[in-house]
PDB file of N, CA and C in Angstrom:
ATOM      1  N   MET A   1     -12.762  10.394   4.743  1.00  0.00           N
ATOM      2  CA  MET A   1     -13.524   9.543   3.961  1.00  0.00           C
ATOM      3  C   MET A   1     -14.322   8.917   4.485  1.00  0.00           C
ATOM      4  N   ASN A   2     -15.724   8.724   3.541  1.00  0.00           N
ATOM      5  CA  ASN A   2     -16.425   7.933   4.025  1.00  0.00           C
ATOM      6  C   ASN A   2     -16.716   6.532   3.007  1.00  0.00           C
ATOM      7  N   ILE A   3     -16.226   5.428   3.867  1.00  0.00           N
ATOM      8  CA  ILE A   3     -16.314   4.022   3.226  1.00  0.00           C
ATOM      9  C   ILE A   3     -17.471   3.237   3.831  1.00  0.00           C
ATOM     10  N   GLU A   4     -18.059   2.496   2.196  1.00  0.00           N
ATOM     11  CA  GLU A   4     -19.185   1.675   2.561  1.00  0.00           C
ATOM     12  C   GLU A   4     -18.793   0.374   1.817  1.00  0.00           C
ATOM     13  N   ILE A   5     -18.817  -0.403   2.564  1.00  0.00           N
ATOM     14  CA  ILE A   5     -18.458  -1.784   1.860  1.00  0.00           C
ATOM     15  C   ILE A   5     -19.455  -2.891   2.049  1.00  0.00           C
ATOM     16  N   THR A   6     -20.051  -3.341   0.786  1.00  0.00           N
ATOM     17  CA  THR A   6     -20.810  -4.058   0.367  1.00  0.00           C
ATOM     18  C   THR A   6     -20.567  -5.558  -0.144  1.00  0.00           C
ATOM     19  N   PHE A   7     -21.055  -6.784   0.423  1.00  0.00           N
ATOM     20  CA  PHE A   7     -20.301  -8.128   0.157  1.00  0.00           C
ATOM     21  C   PHE A   7     -21.700  -8.713  -0.386  1.00  0.00           C
ATOM     22  N   ARG A   8     -21.502  -9.222  -1.568  1.00  0.00           N
ATOM     23  CA  ARG A   8     -22.569 -10.094  -2.234  1.00  0.00           C
ATOM     24  C   ARG A   8     -22.245 -11.294  -2.612  1.00  0.00           C
ATOM     25  N   HIS A   9     -23.087 -12.246  -2.401  1.00  0.00           N
ATOM     26  CA  HIS A   9     -22.696 -13.978  -2.934  1.00  0.00           C
ATOM     27  C   HIS A   9     -21.362 -14.140  -2.118  1.00  0.00           C
ATOM     28  N   MET A  10     -21.177 -13.888  -1.252  1.00  0.00           N
ATOM     29  CA  MET A  10     -19.908 -14.368  -0.529  1.00  0.00           C
ATOM     30  C   MET A  10     -20.074 -13.710   0.967  1.00  0.00           C
ATOM     31  N   ASP A  11     -19.460 -14.569   1.805  1.00  0.00           N
ATOM     32  CA  ASP A  11     -19.439 -14.191   3.227  1.00  0.00           C
ATOM     33  C   ASP A  11     -18.563 -13.135   3.498  1.00  0.00           C
ATOM     34  N   HIS A  12     -19.123 -11.827   4.552  1.00  0.00           N
ATOM     35  CA  HIS A  12     -18.473 -10.668   4.976  1.00  0.00           C
ATOM     36  C   HIS A  12     -17.201 -11.311   6.095  1.00  0.00           C
ATOM     37  N   THR A  13     -15.815 -10.897   5.745  1.00  0.00           N
ATOM     38  CA  THR A  13     -15.132 -11.252   6.315  1.00  0.00           C
ATOM     39  C   THR A  13     -14.022 -10.066   6.713  1.00  0.00           C
ATOM     40  N   GLU A  14     -13.840 -10.277   8.135  1.00  0.00           N
ATOM     41  CA  GLU A  14     -12.984  -9.046   9.000  1.00  0.00           C
ATOM     42  C   GLU A  14     -11.731  -8.847   7.965  1.00  0.00           C
ATOM     43  N   SER A  15     -11.166  -9.810   7.773  1.00  0.00           N
ATOM     44  CA  SER A  15      -9.939  -9.532   7.047  1.00  0.00           C
ATOM     45  C   SER A  15      -9.974  -8.802   5.724  1.00  0.00           C
ATOM     46  N   ILE A  16     -10.831  -8.984   4.851  1.00  0.00           N
ATOM     47  CA  ILE A  16     -11.079  -8.337   3.689  1.00  0.00           C
ATOM     48  C   ILE A  16     -11.737  -7.170   3.790  1.00  0.00           C
ATOM     49  N   ASP A  17     -12.310  -6.895   4.890  1.00  0.00           N
ATOM     50  CA  ASP A  17     -13.072  -5.572   5.183  1.00  0.00           C
ATOM     51  C   ASP A  17     -11.790  -4.697   5.764  1.00  0.00           C
ATOM     52  N   GLU A  18     -10.780  -5.266   6.675  1.00  0.00           N
ATOM     53  CA  GLU A  18      -9.532  -4.654   7.034  1.00  0.00           C
ATOM     54  C   GLU A  18      -9.168  -4.154   6.126  1.00  0.00           C
ATOM     55  N   ARG A  19      -8.806  -5.420   5.181  1.00  0.00           N
ATOM     56  CA  ARG A  19      -7.523  -4.836   3.915  1.00  0.00           C
ATOM     57  C   ARG A  19      -8.164  -3.823   2.984  1.00  0.00           C
ATOM     58  N   ILE A  20      -9.329  -3.767   2.994  1.00  0.00           N
ATOM     59  CA  ILE A  20      -9.997  -2.648   1.980  1.00  0.00           C
ATOM     60  C   ILE A  20      -9.764  -1.129   2.679  1.00  0.00           C
ATOM     61  N   ARG A  21     -10.154  -1.394   4.013  1.00  0.00           N
ATOM     62  CA  ARG A  21     -10.304  -0.154   4.528  1.00  0.00           C
ATOM     63  C   ARG A  21      -8.705   0.473   4.909  1.00  0.00           C
ATOM     64  N   GLU A  22      -8.019  -0.448   5.124  1.00  0.00           N
ATOM     65  CA  GLU A  22      -6.293  -0.051   5.310  1.00  0.00           C
ATOM     66  C   GLU A  22      -5.729   0.932   4.119  1.00  0.00           C
ATOM     67  N   LYS A  23      -6.277  -0.278   3.086  1.00  0.00           N
ATOM     68  CA  LYS A  23      -5.334   0.345   1.633  1.00  0.00           C
ATOM     69  C   LYS A  23      -6.155   1.689   1.316  1.00  0.00           C
ATOM     70  N   LEU A  24      -7.568   1.506   1.582  1.00  0.00           N
ATOM     71  CA  LEU A  24      -7.936   2.837   0.887  1.00  0.00           C
ATOM     72  C   LEU A  24      -7.736   4.068   1.722  1.00  0.00           C
ATOM     73  N   GLU A  25      -7.447   4.099   3.132  1.00  0.00           N
ATOM     74  CA  GLU A  25      -7.200   5.059   4.168  1.00  0.00           C
ATOM     75  C   GLU A  25      -6.042   5.661   3.609  1.00  0.00           C
ATOM     76  N   LYS A  26      -4.982   4.687   3.415  1.00  0.00           N
ATOM     77  CA  LYS A  26      -3.705   5.190   2.827  1.00  0.00           C
ATOM     78  C   LYS A  26      -3.637   5.675   1.433  1.00  0.00           C
ATOM     79  N   PHE A  27      -4.464   5.155   0.516  1.00  0.00           N
ATOM     80  CA  PHE A  27      -4.655   5.637  -0.974  1.00  0.00           C
ATOM     81  C   PHE A  27      -5.430   7.019  -0.948  1.00  0.00           C
ATOM     82  N   GLY A  28      -6.426   6.939  -0.191  1.00  0.00           N
ATOM     83  CA  GLY A  28      -7.405   8.327   0.090  1.00  0.00           C
ATOM     84  C   GLY A  28      -6.748   9.617   0.573  1.00  0.00           C
ATOM     85  N   ARG A  29      -5.481   9.204   1.364  1.00  0.00           N
ATOM     86  CA  ARG A  29      -4.887  10.427   1.967  1.00  0.00           C
ATOM     87  C   ARG A  29      -3.944  10.926   0.810  1.00  0.00           C
ATOM     88  N   LYS A  30      -3.570  10.250  -0.069  1.00  0.00           N
ATOM     89  CA  LYS A  30      -2.593  10.940  -1.161  1.00  0.00           C
ATOM     90  C   LYS A  30      -3.509  11.345  -2.362  1.00  0.00           C
ATOM     91  N   HIS A  31      -4.791  10.873  -2.709  1.00  0.00           N
ATOM     92  CA  HIS A  31      -5.603  10.976  -4.013  1.00  0.00           C
ATOM     93  C   HIS A  31      -6.646  11.475  -3.414  1.00  0.00           C
ATOM     94  N   PHE A  32      -7.353  11.880  -2.170  1.00  0.00           N
ATOM     95  CA  PHE A  32      -8.683  12.090  -1.956  1.00  0.00           C
ATOM     96  C   PHE A  32      -8.974  13.201  -1.226  1.00  0.00           C
ATOM     97  N   SER A  33     -10.236  13.992  -0.967  1.00  0.00           N
ATOM     98  CA  SER A  33     -10.260  14.744  -0.060  1.00  0.00           C
ATOM     99  C   SER A  33     -10.953  14.212   1.259  1.00  0.00           C
ATOM    100  N   GLN A  34     -10.800  14.584   2.673  1.00  0.00           N
ATOM    101  CA  GLN A  34     -11.570  13.978   3.613  1.00  0.00           C
ATOM    102  C   GLN A  34     -13.196  13.608   3.707  1.00  0.00           C
ATOM    103  N   ASN A  35     -13.316  14.232   2.699  1.00  0.00           N
ATOM    104  CA  ASN A  35     -14.875  14.126   2.230  1.00  0.00           C
ATOM    105  C   ASN A  35     -15.486  13.161   1.158  1.00  0.00           C
ATOM    106  N   ALA A  36     -14.413  12.412   0.932  1.00  0.00           N
ATOM    107  CA  ALA A  36     -14.791  11.610  -0.341  1.00  0.00           C
ATOM    108  C   ALA A  36     -15.888  10.609   0.126  1.00  0.00           C
ATOM    109  N   MET A  37     -16.592  10.205  -0.960  1.00  0.00           N
ATOM    110  CA  MET A  37     -17.725   9.162  -0.636  1.00  0.00           C
ATOM    111  C   MET A  37     -17.238   7.668  -1.384  1.00  0.00           C
ATOM    112  N   VAL A  38     -16.941   6.673  -0.612  1.00  0.00           N
ATOM    113  CA  VAL A  38     -16.502   5.446  -1.308  1.00  0.00           C
ATOM    114  C   VAL A  38     -17.379   4.572  -1.348  1.00  0.00           C
ATOM    115  N   ASN A  39     -18.120   4.020  -2.466  1.00  0.00           N
ATOM    116  CA  ASN A  39     -18.930   2.441  -2.425  1.00  0.00           C
ATOM    117  C   ASN A  39     -18.149   1.618  -3.088  1.00  0.00           C
ATOM    118  N   TRP A  40     -17.947   0.460  -2.157  1.00  0.00           N
ATOM    119  CA  TRP A  40     -17.394  -0.687  -2.588  1.00  0.00           C
ATOM    120  C   TRP A  40     -18.032  -1.914  -2.472  1.00  0.00           C
ATOM    121  N   THR A  41     -18.147  -2.492  -3.559  1.00  0.00           N
ATOM    122  CA  THR A  41     -18.919  -3.944  -3.639  1.00  0.00           C
ATOM    123  C   THR A  41     -17.993  -4.907  -4.058  1.00  0.00           C
ATOM    124  N   CYS A  42     -18.011  -6.277  -2.897  1.00  0.00           N
ATOM    125  CA  CYS A  42     -17.364  -7.405  -3.300  1.00  0.00           C
ATOM    126  C   CYS A  42     -18.384  -8.580  -3.660  1.00  0.00           C
ATOM    127  N   LEU A  43     -17.947  -9.275  -4.409  1.00  0.00           N
ATOM    128  CA  LEU A  43     -18.833 -10.369  -4.973  1.00  0.00           C
ATOM    129  C   LEU A  43     -18.247 -11.535  -5.589  1.00  0.00           C
ATOM    130  N   VAL A  44     -18.415 -12.852  -5.612  1.00  0.00           N
ATOM    131  CA  VAL A  44     -18.041 -13.729  -6.209  1.00  0.00           C
ATOM    132  C   VAL A  44     -19.094 -14.356  -6.977  1.00  0.00           C
ATOM    133  N   GLU A  45     -18.610 -14.473  -8.306  1.00  0.00           N
ATOM    134  CA  GLU A  45     -19.534 -15.050  -9.562  1.00  0.00           C
ATOM    135  C   GLU A  45     -18.902 -15.742 -10.158  1.00  0.00           C
ATOM    136  N   HIS A  46     -19.644 -17.032 -10.183  1.00  0.00           N
ATOM    137  CA  HIS A  46     -18.822 -18.378 -11.188  1.00  0.00           C
ATOM    138  C   HIS A  46     -17.546 -18.198 -10.963  1.00  0.00           C
ATOM    139  N   GLY A  47     -17.325 -18.312  -9.568  1.00  0.00           N
ATOM    140  CA  GLY A  47     -15.859 -18.620  -9.188  1.00  0.00           C
ATOM    141  C   GLY A  47     -14.756 -17.245  -9.099  1.00  0.00           C
ATOM    142  N   GLU A  48     -15.034 -16.285 -10.024  1.00  0.00           N
ATOM    143  CA  GLU A  48     -14.355 -15.397  -9.831  1.00  0.00           C
ATOM    144  C   GLU A  48     -14.630 -14.089  -8.871  1.00  0.00           C
ATOM    145  N   HIS A  49     -13.502 -13.634  -7.790  1.00  0.00           N
ATOM    146  CA  HIS A  49     -13.813 -12.776  -7.137  1.00  0.00           C
ATOM    147  C   HIS A  49     -13.415 -11.463  -7.712  1.00  0.00           C
ATOM    148  N   LEU A  50     -15.011 -10.675  -7.678  1.00  0.00           N
ATOM    149  CA  LEU A  50     -14.936  -9.383  -8.386  1.00  0.00           C
ATOM    150  C   LEU A  50     -15.320  -8.303  -7.210  1.00  0.00           C
ATOM    151  N   ALA A  51     -14.719  -6.867  -7.620  1.00  0.00           N
ATOM    152  CA  ALA A  51     -15.059  -5.656  -6.976  1.00  0.00           C
ATOM    153  C   ALA A  51     -15.307  -4.559  -7.546  1.00  0.00           C
ATOM    154  N   SER A  52     -16.086  -3.830  -7.586  1.00  0.00           N
ATOM    155  CA  SER A  52     -16.650  -2.698  -7.956  1.00  0.00           C
ATOM    156  C   SER A  52     -16.354  -1.321  -7.156  1.00  0.00           C
ATOM    157  N   VAL A  53     -15.896  -0.082  -7.575  1.00  0.00           N
ATOM    158  CA  VAL A  53     -15.756   0.721  -6.540  1.00  0.00           C
ATOM    159  C   VAL A  53     -16.476   2.202  -7.185  1.00  0.00           C
ATOM    160  N   ASN A  54     -17.050   2.904  -6.487  1.00  0.00           N
ATOM    161  CA  ASN A  54     -17.620   4.005  -7.047  1.00  0.00           C
ATOM    162  C   ASN A  54     -17.169   5.374  -5.723  1.00  0.00           C
ATOM    163  N   VAL A  55     -16.405   6.171  -6.518  1.00  0.00           N
ATOM    164  CA  VAL A  55     -15.611   7.067  -5.727  1.00  0.00           C
ATOM    165  C   VAL A  55     -16.180   8.704  -5.846  1.00  0.00           C
ATOM    166  N   LYS A  56     -16.936   9.425  -5.151  1.00  0.00           N
ATOM    167  CA  LYS A  56     -17.221  10.884  -5.186  1.00  0.00           C
ATOM    168  C   LYS A  56     -16.541  11.642  -4.648  1.00  0.00           C
ATOM    169  N   ASP A  57     -15.770  12.699  -5.405  1.00  0.00           N
ATOM    170  CA  ASP A  57     -14.913  13.476  -4.635  1.00  0.00           C
ATOM    171  C   ASP A  57     -14.786  14.930  -5.237  1.00  0.00           C
ATOM    172  N   LYS A  58     -15.156  16.047  -4.533  1.00  0.00           N
ATOM    173  CA  LYS A  58     -15.266  17.179  -5.196  1.00  0.00           C
ATOM    174  C   LYS A  58     -15.373  17.001  -6.944  1.00  0.00           C
ATOM    175  N   GLY A  59     -16.717  17.098  -6.984  1.00  0.00           N
ATOM    176  CA  GLY A  59     -17.016  16.903  -8.498  1.00  0.00           C
ATOM    177  C   GLY A  59     -16.669  15.818  -9.491  1.00  0.00           C
ATOM    178  N   HIS A  60     -15.836  15.040  -8.946  1.00  0.00           N
ATOM    179  CA  HIS A  60     -15.410  13.833  -9.692  1.00  0.00           C
ATOM    180  C   HIS A  60     -16.100  13.011  -9.504  1.00  0.00           C
ATOM    181  N   ASP A  61     -16.279  11.945 -10.170  1.00  0.00           N
ATOM    182  CA  ASP A  61     -16.770  10.553  -9.994  1.00  0.00           C
ATOM    183  C   ASP A  61     -15.996   9.519 -10.936  1.00  0.00           C
ATOM    184  N   PHE A  62     -15.610   8.564 -10.070  1.00  0.00           N
ATOM    185  CA  PHE A  62     -14.404   7.678 -10.623  1.00  0.00           C
ATOM    186  C   PHE A  62     -15.154   6.323 -10.297  1.00  0.00           C
ATOM    187  N   HIS A  63     -15.154   5.468 -11.236  1.00  0.00           N
ATOM    188  CA  HIS A  63     -15.795   3.864 -11.187  1.00  0.00           C
ATOM    189  C   HIS A  63     -14.747   3.242 -11.948  1.00  0.00           C
ATOM    190  N   VAL A  64     -14.316   1.955 -11.247  1.00  0.00           N
ATOM    191  CA  VAL A  64     -13.398   1.053 -11.771  1.00  0.00           C
ATOM    192  C   VAL A  64     -14.213  -0.407 -11.193  1.00  0.00           C
ATOM    193  N   LYS A  65     -13.822  -1.362 -11.771  1.00  0.00           N
ATOM    194  CA  LYS A  65     -14.254  -2.748 -11.861  1.00  0.00           C
ATOM    195  C   LYS A  65     -12.944  -3.651 -12.008  1.00  0.00           C
ATOM    196  N   ALA A  66     -12.785  -4.709 -11.142  1.00  0.00           N
ATOM    197  CA  ALA A  66     -11.603  -5.657 -11.557  1.00  0.00           C
ATOM    198  C   ALA A  66     -12.089  -7.068 -11.097  1.00  0.00           C
ATOM    199  N   GLY A  67     -11.170  -8.161 -11.448  1.00  0.00           N
ATOM    200  CA  GLY A  67     -11.619  -9.285 -11.025  1.00  0.00           C
ATOM    201  C   GLY A  67     -10.363 -10.260 -11.015  1.00  0.00           C
ATOM    202  N   SER A  68     -10.218 -11.357 -10.219  1.00  0.00           N
ATOM    203  CA  SER A  68      -9.406 -12.640 -10.163  1.00  0.00           C
ATOM    204  C   SER A  68      -9.653 -13.547  -9.439  1.00  0.00           C
ATOM    205  N   ASP A  69      -8.578 -14.461  -9.160  1.00  0.00           N
ATOM    206  CA  ASP A  69      -9.107 -15.642  -8.564  1.00  0.00           C
ATOM    207  C   ASP A  69      -8.875 -15.721  -6.967  1.00  0.00           C
ATOM    208  N   ASN A  70      -8.635 -14.434  -6.536  1.00  0.00           N
ATOM    209  CA  ASN A  70      -8.811 -14.128  -4.968  1.00  0.00           C
ATOM    210  C   ASN A  70      -9.182 -12.699  -4.782  1.00  0.00           C
ATOM    211  N   MET A  71      -9.662 -12.327  -3.664  1.00  0.00           N
ATOM    212  CA  MET A  71     -10.246 -11.208  -3.545  1.00  0.00           C
ATOM    213  C   MET A  71      -9.023  -9.951  -3.224  1.00  0.00           C
ATOM    214  N   TYR A  72      -8.022 -10.643  -2.469  1.00  0.00           N
ATOM    215  CA  TYR A  72      -6.693  -9.808  -2.082  1.00  0.00           C
ATOM    216  C   TYR A  72      -5.907  -9.340  -3.663  1.00  0.00           C
ATOM    217  N   LYS A  73      -5.981 -10.080  -4.660  1.00  0.00           N
ATOM    218  CA  LYS A  73      -5.518  -9.733  -5.526  1.00  0.00           C
ATOM    219  C   LYS A  73      -6.302  -8.670  -6.328  1.00  0.00           C
ATOM    220  N   THR A  74      -7.799  -8.584  -6.252  1.00  0.00           N
ATOM    221  CA  THR A  74      -8.688  -7.873  -7.057  1.00  0.00           C
ATOM    222  C   THR A  74      -8.674  -6.714  -6.365  1.00  0.00           C
ATOM    223  N   ILE A  75      -8.377  -6.516  -4.726  1.00  0.00           N
ATOM    224  CA  ILE A  75      -8.460  -5.417  -4.226  1.00  0.00           C
ATOM    225  C   ILE A  75      -6.851  -4.670  -4.702  1.00  0.00           C
ATOM    226  N   ASP A  76      -5.968  -5.195  -4.684  1.00  0.00           N
ATOM    227  CA  ASP A  76      -4.535  -4.334  -5.572  1.00  0.00           C
ATOM    228  C   ASP A  76      -4.916  -3.872  -6.803  1.00  0.00           C
ATOM    229  N   GLN A  77      -5.775  -4.692  -7.641  1.00  0.00           N
ATOM    230  CA  GLN A  77      -6.142  -4.422  -8.929  1.00  0.00           C
ATOM    231  C   GLN A  77      -7.154  -2.845  -9.204  1.00  0.00           C
ATOM    232  N   ILE A  78      -7.879  -3.082  -8.067  1.00  0.00           N
ATOM    233  CA  ILE A  78      -8.881  -1.696  -8.279  1.00  0.00           C
ATOM    234  C   ILE A  78      -8.069  -0.657  -7.642  1.00  0.00           C
ATOM    235  N   LEU A  79      -6.985  -0.606  -6.955  1.00  0.00           N
ATOM    236  CA  LEU A  79      -6.522   0.584  -6.760  1.00  0.00           C
ATOM    237  C   LEU A  79      -5.448   1.030  -7.617  1.00  0.00           C
ATOM    238  N   ALA A  80      -4.979   0.016  -8.218  1.00  0.00           N
ATOM    239  CA  ALA A  80      -4.385   0.427  -9.420  1.00  0.00           C
ATOM    240  C   ALA A  80      -4.862   0.996 -10.631  1.00  0.00           C
ATOM    241  N   LYS A  81      -6.087   0.358 -10.944  1.00  0.00           N
ATOM    242  CA  LYS A  81      -7.010   0.869 -11.901  1.00  0.00           C
ATOM    243  C   LYS A  81      -7.598   2.410 -11.744  1.00  0.00           C
ATOM    244  N   LEU A  82      -7.933   2.405 -10.210  1.00  0.00           N
ATOM    245  CA  LEU A  82      -8.443   3.528  -9.785  1.00  0.00           C
ATOM    246  C   LEU A  82      -7.321   4.708  -9.893  1.00  0.00           C
ATOM    247  N   GLU A  83      -5.662   4.456  -9.374  1.00  0.00           N
ATOM    248  CA  GLU A  83      -4.972   5.425  -9.314  1.00  0.00           C
ATOM    249  C   GLU A  83      -4.438   5.757 -11.098  1.00  0.00           C
ATOM    250  N   SER A  84      -4.773   4.936 -11.759  1.00  0.00           N
ATOM    251  CA  SER A  84      -4.552   5.183 -13.361  1.00  0.00           C
ATOM    252  C   SER A  84      -5.705   6.211 -13.889  1.00  0.00           C
ATOM    253  N   GLN A  85      -6.810   6.106 -13.263  1.00  0.00           N
ATOM    254  CA  GLN A  85      -8.133   6.977 -13.718  1.00  0.00           C
ATOM    255  C   GLN A  85      -7.960   8.227 -13.159  1.00  0.00           C
ATOM    256  N   ILE A  86      -7.496   8.463 -11.847  1.00  0.00           N
ATOM    257  CA  ILE A  86      -7.077   9.548 -11.158  1.00  0.00           C
ATOM    258  C   ILE A  86      -6.098  10.514 -11.873  1.00  0.00           C
ATOM    259  N   ALA A  87      -5.147   9.774 -12.409  1.00  0.00           N
ATOM    260  CA  ALA A  87      -3.867  10.358 -13.015  1.00  0.00           C
ATOM    261  C   ALA A  87      -4.645  10.763 -14.315  1.00  0.00           C
ATOM    262  N   SER A  88      -5.483   9.949 -14.918  1.00  0.00           N
ATOM    263  CA  SER A  88      -5.783  10.391 -16.491  1.00  0.00           C
ATOM    264  C   SER A  88      -6.748  11.878 -16.475  1.00  0.00           C
ATOM    265  N   GLN A  89      -7.485  12.116 -15.463  1.00  0.00           N
ATOM    266  CA  GLN A  89      -8.474  13.151 -14.935  1.00  0.00           C
ATOM    267  C   GLN A  89      -7.816  14.411 -14.075  1.00  0.00           C
ATOM    268  N   GLY A  90      -6.465  14.172 -13.917  1.00  0.00           N
ATOM    269  CA  GLY A  90      -5.933  15.064 -13.252  1.00  0.00           C
ATOM    270  C   GLY A  90      -6.583  15.523 -11.951  1.00  0.00           C
ATOM    271  N   HIS A  91      -6.935  14.731 -11.366  1.00  0.00           N
ATOM    272  CA  HIS A  91      -7.879  15.036 -10.033  1.00  0.00           C
ATOM    273  C   HIS A  91      -6.819  15.305  -8.861  1.00  0.00           C
ATOM    274  N   HIS A  92      -6.957  16.480  -8.217  1.00  0.00           N
ATOM    275  CA  HIS A  92      -5.945  16.883  -6.997  1.00  0.00           C
ATOM    276  C   HIS A  92      -6.991  17.089  -5.747  1.00  0.00           C
ATOM    277  N   PRO A  93      -6.984  16.364  -4.938  1.00  0.00           N
ATOM    278  CA  PRO A  93      -7.757  16.876  -3.671  1.00  0.00           C
ATOM    279  C   PRO A  93      -7.456  17.921  -2.868  1.00  0.00           C
ATOM    280  N   SER A  94      -6.240  18.763  -3.138  1.00  0.00           N
ATOM    281  CA  SER A  94      -5.891  19.972  -2.272  1.00  0.00           C
ATOM    282  C   SER A  94      -6.652  20.937  -3.171  1.00  0.00           C
ATOM    283  N   HIS A  95      -6.901  20.744  -4.284  1.00  0.00           N
ATOM    284  CA  HIS A  95      -7.525  21.687  -5.291  1.00  0.00           C
ATOM    285  C   HIS A  95      -9.411  22.123  -4.832  1.00  0.00           C
TER     286      HIS A  95
END
């Protein structure tokens, strides 16, 4: 899985970067092929911690956004929304 993480209007922190990568690697093994392209953007706007994620995998495109009062909650929200979107589209990486 190719993961690109961008930080806007906030400092890049190793702890957030590592948390995203760890969770995505675990999530990706279950839901995506090893060739999946993931673009993850973190930003803070008006005090809200937002994230936007685009995933391209085997002809499927997924896009989710979430926001909360801290980036760790937002990361978990993104993965929950992504899982829901994957389930609704019936995406299976092994096919």
